Amino acid sequence: MYLCFQKVAGGNRFASLGRERRHDAAGTFTMTCKILRQVIGKDVVVWRVCGRVTGDDVNMLRALVEQENTPLTLDLQDVRLVDGEAVSLLAILESNGAKINNCPMYIRDWISREREVT
């Protein structure tokens, strides 16, 4: 796992957290989940989630979100795969006021069904 911070023009700060997993016998690594945290101004935090959000990645996302004390927006434009645990977390976060932007339609439908059940 890695954590990387960048300062960009205009004062926005980014933090990047991700996890790599061994992909094949040749030792190739592939990114499964990457989370970019952007602070915009004083009151807005955007988490851009990329890749797959499953298993331990869900726990990592949950822990990071619990540390936030400002309104949160999740950008899911680059999410390719989620599991049921990830969808449950997204439904809870949205119910608690988080905004979910650029959500793939299959994930949006799954979140809606999850919210109906709970």
C-alpha atoms as a PDB file:
ATOM      1  CA  MET A   1       0.000   0.000   0.000  1.00  0.00           C
ATOM      2  CA  TYR A   2       1.220   3.512  -0.655  1.00  0.00           C
ATOM      3  CA  LEU A   3       0.255   7.052   0.318  1.00  0.00           C
ATOM      4  CA  CYS A   4       1.318  10.016  -1.762  1.00  0.00           C
ATOM      5  CA  PHE A   5       0.599  13.729  -1.285  1.00  0.00           C
ATOM      6  CA  GLN A   6       0.840  16.393  -3.973  1.00  0.00           C
ATOM      7  CA  LYS A   7       0.425  20.149  -3.876  1.00  0.00           C
ATOM      8  CA  VAL A   8      -0.959  21.577  -7.097  1.00  0.00           C
ATOM      9  CA  ALA A   9      -1.415  25.065  -8.489  1.00  0.00           C
ATOM     10  CA  GLY A  10      -4.244  26.992  -6.906  1.00  0.00           C
ATOM     11  CA  GLY A  11      -3.662  25.548  -3.458  1.00  0.00           C
ATOM     12  CA  ASN A  12      -5.621  22.336  -3.911  1.00  0.00           C
ATOM     13  CA  ARG A  13      -4.072  19.389  -2.101  1.00  0.00           C
ATOM     14  CA  PHE A  14      -4.262  15.822  -3.260  1.00  0.00           C
ATOM     15  CA  ALA A  15      -3.569  12.672  -1.311  1.00  0.00           C
ATOM     16  CA  SER A  16      -3.415   9.358  -3.074  1.00  0.00           C
ATOM     17  CA  LEU A  17      -3.817   6.005  -1.367  1.00  0.00           C
ATOM     18  CA  GLY A  18      -3.798   2.721  -3.195  1.00  0.00           C
ATOM     19  CA  ARG A  19      -3.176  -0.981  -2.996  1.00  0.00           C
ATOM     20  CA  GLU A  20      -1.262  -3.186  -5.410  1.00  0.00           C
ATOM     21  CA  ARG A  21      -1.755  -6.928  -5.629  1.00  0.00           C
ATOM     22  CA  ARG A  22       0.329  -9.565  -7.366  1.00  0.00           C
ATOM     23  CA  HIS A  23      -1.390 -10.281 -10.668  1.00  0.00           C
ATOM     24  CA  ASP A  24       0.403 -13.299 -12.080  1.00  0.00           C
ATOM     25  CA  ALA A  25       3.202 -15.817 -11.549  1.00  0.00           C
ATOM     26  CA  ALA A  26       5.686 -13.523 -13.325  1.00  0.00           C
ATOM     27  CA  GLY A  27       5.390 -11.037 -10.467  1.00  0.00           C
ATOM     28  CA  THR A  28       3.491  -8.361 -12.372  1.00  0.00           C
ATOM     29  CA  PHE A  29       1.623  -5.962 -10.107  1.00  0.00           C
ATOM     30  CA  THR A  30      -1.714  -4.394 -10.885  1.00  0.00           C
ATOM     31  CA  MET A  31      -3.572  -1.571  -9.158  1.00  0.00           C
ATOM     32  CA  THR A  32      -6.816  -2.774  -7.654  1.00  0.00           C
ATOM     33  CA  CYS A  33      -7.986   0.350  -5.874  1.00  0.00           C
ATOM     34  CA  LYS A  34      -6.750   3.919  -5.884  1.00  0.00           C
ATOM     35  CA  ILE A  35      -8.263   6.736  -3.855  1.00  0.00           C
ATOM     36  CA  LEU A  36      -7.370  10.342  -4.584  1.00  0.00           C
ATOM     37  CA  ARG A  37      -8.336  12.901  -1.950  1.00  0.00           C
ATOM     38  CA  GLN A  38      -8.750  16.486  -3.107  1.00  0.00           C
ATOM     39  CA  VAL A  39      -9.382  19.382  -0.751  1.00  0.00           C
ATOM     40  CA  ILE A  40     -11.146  22.234  -2.508  1.00  0.00           C
ATOM     41  CA  GLY A  41     -11.236  25.418  -0.488  1.00  0.00           C
ATOM     42  CA  LYS A  42     -11.937  25.035   3.211  1.00  0.00           C
ATOM     43  CA  ASP A  43     -15.164  23.048   3.189  1.00  0.00           C
ATOM     44  CA  VAL A  44     -15.149  20.560   0.332  1.00  0.00           C
ATOM     45  CA  VAL A  45     -13.383  17.196   0.153  1.00  0.00           C
ATOM     46  CA  VAL A  46     -13.625  15.036  -2.988  1.00  0.00           C
ATOM     47  CA  TRP A  47     -12.528  11.400  -2.951  1.00  0.00           C
ATOM     48  CA  ARG A  48     -11.914  10.091  -6.460  1.00  0.00           C
ATOM     49  CA  VAL A  49     -12.080   6.311  -6.351  1.00  0.00           C
ATOM     50  CA  CYS A  50     -10.522   4.296  -9.192  1.00  0.00           C
ATOM     51  CA  GLY A  51     -10.370   0.619 -10.087  1.00  0.00           C
ATOM     52  CA  ARG A  52     -11.902  -2.169  -8.022  1.00  0.00           C
ATOM     53  CA  VAL A  53     -13.472  -1.642  -4.611  1.00  0.00           C
ATOM     54  CA  THR A  54     -13.737  -5.023  -2.940  1.00  0.00           C
ATOM     55  CA  GLY A  55     -12.712  -6.758   0.288  1.00  0.00           C
ATOM     56  CA  ASP A  56      -9.930  -4.933   2.135  1.00  0.00           C
ATOM     57  CA  ASP A  57     -10.351  -1.920  -0.148  1.00  0.00           C
ATOM     58  CA  VAL A  58     -13.822  -1.384   1.322  1.00  0.00           C
ATOM     59  CA  ASN A  59     -12.369  -1.436   4.836  1.00  0.00           C
ATOM     60  CA  MET A  60      -9.692   1.047   3.777  1.00  0.00           C
ATOM     61  CA  LEU A  61     -12.294   3.380   2.246  1.00  0.00           C
ATOM     62  CA  ARG A  62     -14.500   3.096   5.345  1.00  0.00           C
ATOM     63  CA  ALA A  63     -11.588   3.985   7.651  1.00  0.00           C
ATOM     64  CA  LEU A  64     -10.586   6.964   5.532  1.00  0.00           C
ATOM     65  CA  VAL A  65     -14.124   8.316   5.320  1.00  0.00           C
ATOM     66  CA  GLU A  66     -14.572   7.992   9.090  1.00  0.00           C
ATOM     67  CA  GLN A  67     -11.634  10.378   9.544  1.00  0.00           C
ATOM     68  CA  GLU A  68     -13.310  13.140   7.511  1.00  0.00           C
ATOM     69  CA  ASN A  69     -15.071  15.932   9.338  1.00  0.00           C
ATOM     70  CA  THR A  70     -16.146  17.975   6.316  1.00  0.00           C
ATOM     71  CA  PRO A  71     -18.854  17.349   3.710  1.00  0.00           C
ATOM     72  CA  LEU A  72     -17.715  14.560   1.406  1.00  0.00           C
ATOM     73  CA  THR A  73     -18.148  13.923  -2.298  1.00  0.00           C
ATOM     74  CA  LEU A  74     -17.219  10.574  -3.839  1.00  0.00           C
ATOM     75  CA  ASP A  75     -16.376  10.574  -7.556  1.00  0.00           C
ATOM     76  CA  LEU A  76     -16.821   7.045  -8.921  1.00  0.00           C
ATOM     77  CA  GLN A  77     -16.161   7.766 -12.590  1.00  0.00           C
ATOM     78  CA  ASP A  78     -13.186   5.395 -12.759  1.00  0.00           C
ATOM     79  CA  VAL A  79     -14.614   2.581 -10.618  1.00  0.00           C
ATOM     80  CA  ARG A  80     -14.733  -0.637 -12.618  1.00  0.00           C
ATOM     81  CA  LEU A  81     -15.880  -3.250 -10.099  1.00  0.00           C
ATOM     82  CA  VAL A  82     -17.551  -3.271  -6.674  1.00  0.00           C
ATOM     83  CA  ASP A  83     -18.796  -6.002  -4.385  1.00  0.00           C
ATOM     84  CA  GLY A  84     -21.841  -6.099  -2.117  1.00  0.00           C
ATOM     85  CA  GLU A  85     -19.900  -4.753   0.850  1.00  0.00           C
ATOM     86  CA  ALA A  86     -18.780  -1.731  -1.186  1.00  0.00           C
ATOM     87  CA  VAL A  87     -22.335  -1.032  -2.325  1.00  0.00           C
ATOM     88  CA  SER A  88     -23.600  -1.258   1.273  1.00  0.00           C
ATOM     89  CA  LEU A  89     -20.971   1.289   2.334  1.00  0.00           C
ATOM     90  CA  LEU A  90     -21.863   3.616  -0.544  1.00  0.00           C
ATOM     91  CA  ALA A  91     -25.563   3.396   0.348  1.00  0.00           C
ATOM     92  CA  ILE A  92     -24.828   4.224   4.000  1.00  0.00           C
ATOM     93  CA  LEU A  93     -22.559   7.126   3.062  1.00  0.00           C
ATOM     94  CA  GLU A  94     -25.169   8.566   0.710  1.00  0.00           C
ATOM     95  CA  SER A  95     -27.859   8.190   3.387  1.00  0.00           C
ATOM     96  CA  ASN A  96     -25.603  10.115   5.760  1.00  0.00           C
ATOM     97  CA  GLY A  97     -25.237  13.035   3.354  1.00  0.00           C
ATOM     98  CA  ALA A  98     -22.254  12.171   1.168  1.00  0.00           C
ATOM     99  CA  LYS A  99     -22.642  13.042  -2.508  1.00  0.00           C
ATOM    100  CA  ILE A 100     -21.842  10.389  -5.092  1.00  0.00           C
ATOM    101  CA  ASN A 101     -20.890  11.804  -8.493  1.00  0.00           C
ATOM    102  CA  ASN A 102     -20.209  10.105 -11.824  1.00  0.00           C
ATOM    103  CA  CYS A 103     -21.559   6.819 -10.545  1.00  0.00           C
ATOM    104  CA  PRO A 104     -21.693   4.022 -13.144  1.00  0.00           C
ATOM    105  CA  MET A 105     -25.329   3.064 -13.810  1.00  0.00           C
ATOM    106  CA  TYR A 106     -24.986  -0.530 -12.571  1.00  0.00           C
ATOM    107  CA  ILE A 107     -23.588   0.733  -9.260  1.00  0.00           C
ATOM    108  CA  ARG A 108     -26.320   3.407  -8.979  1.00  0.00           C
ATOM    109  CA  ASP A 109     -29.014   0.753  -9.530  1.00  0.00           C
ATOM    110  CA  TRP A 110     -27.396  -1.542  -6.956  1.00  0.00           C
ATOM    111  CA  ILE A 111     -27.178   1.295  -4.393  1.00  0.00           C
ATOM    112  CA  SER A 112     -30.882   2.061  -4.971  1.00  0.00           C
ATOM    113  CA  ARG A 113     -31.830  -1.573  -4.393  1.00  0.00           C
ATOM    114  CA  GLU A 114     -29.632  -1.700  -1.279  1.00  0.00           C
ATOM    115  CA  ARG A 115     -31.308   1.391   0.165  1.00  0.00           C
ATOM    116  CA  GLU A 116     -34.760  -0.138  -0.430  1.00  0.00           C
ATOM    117  CA  VAL A 117     -33.777  -3.237   1.550  1.00  0.00           C
ATOM    118  CA  THR A 118     -32.433  -1.338   4.579  1.00  0.00           C
END
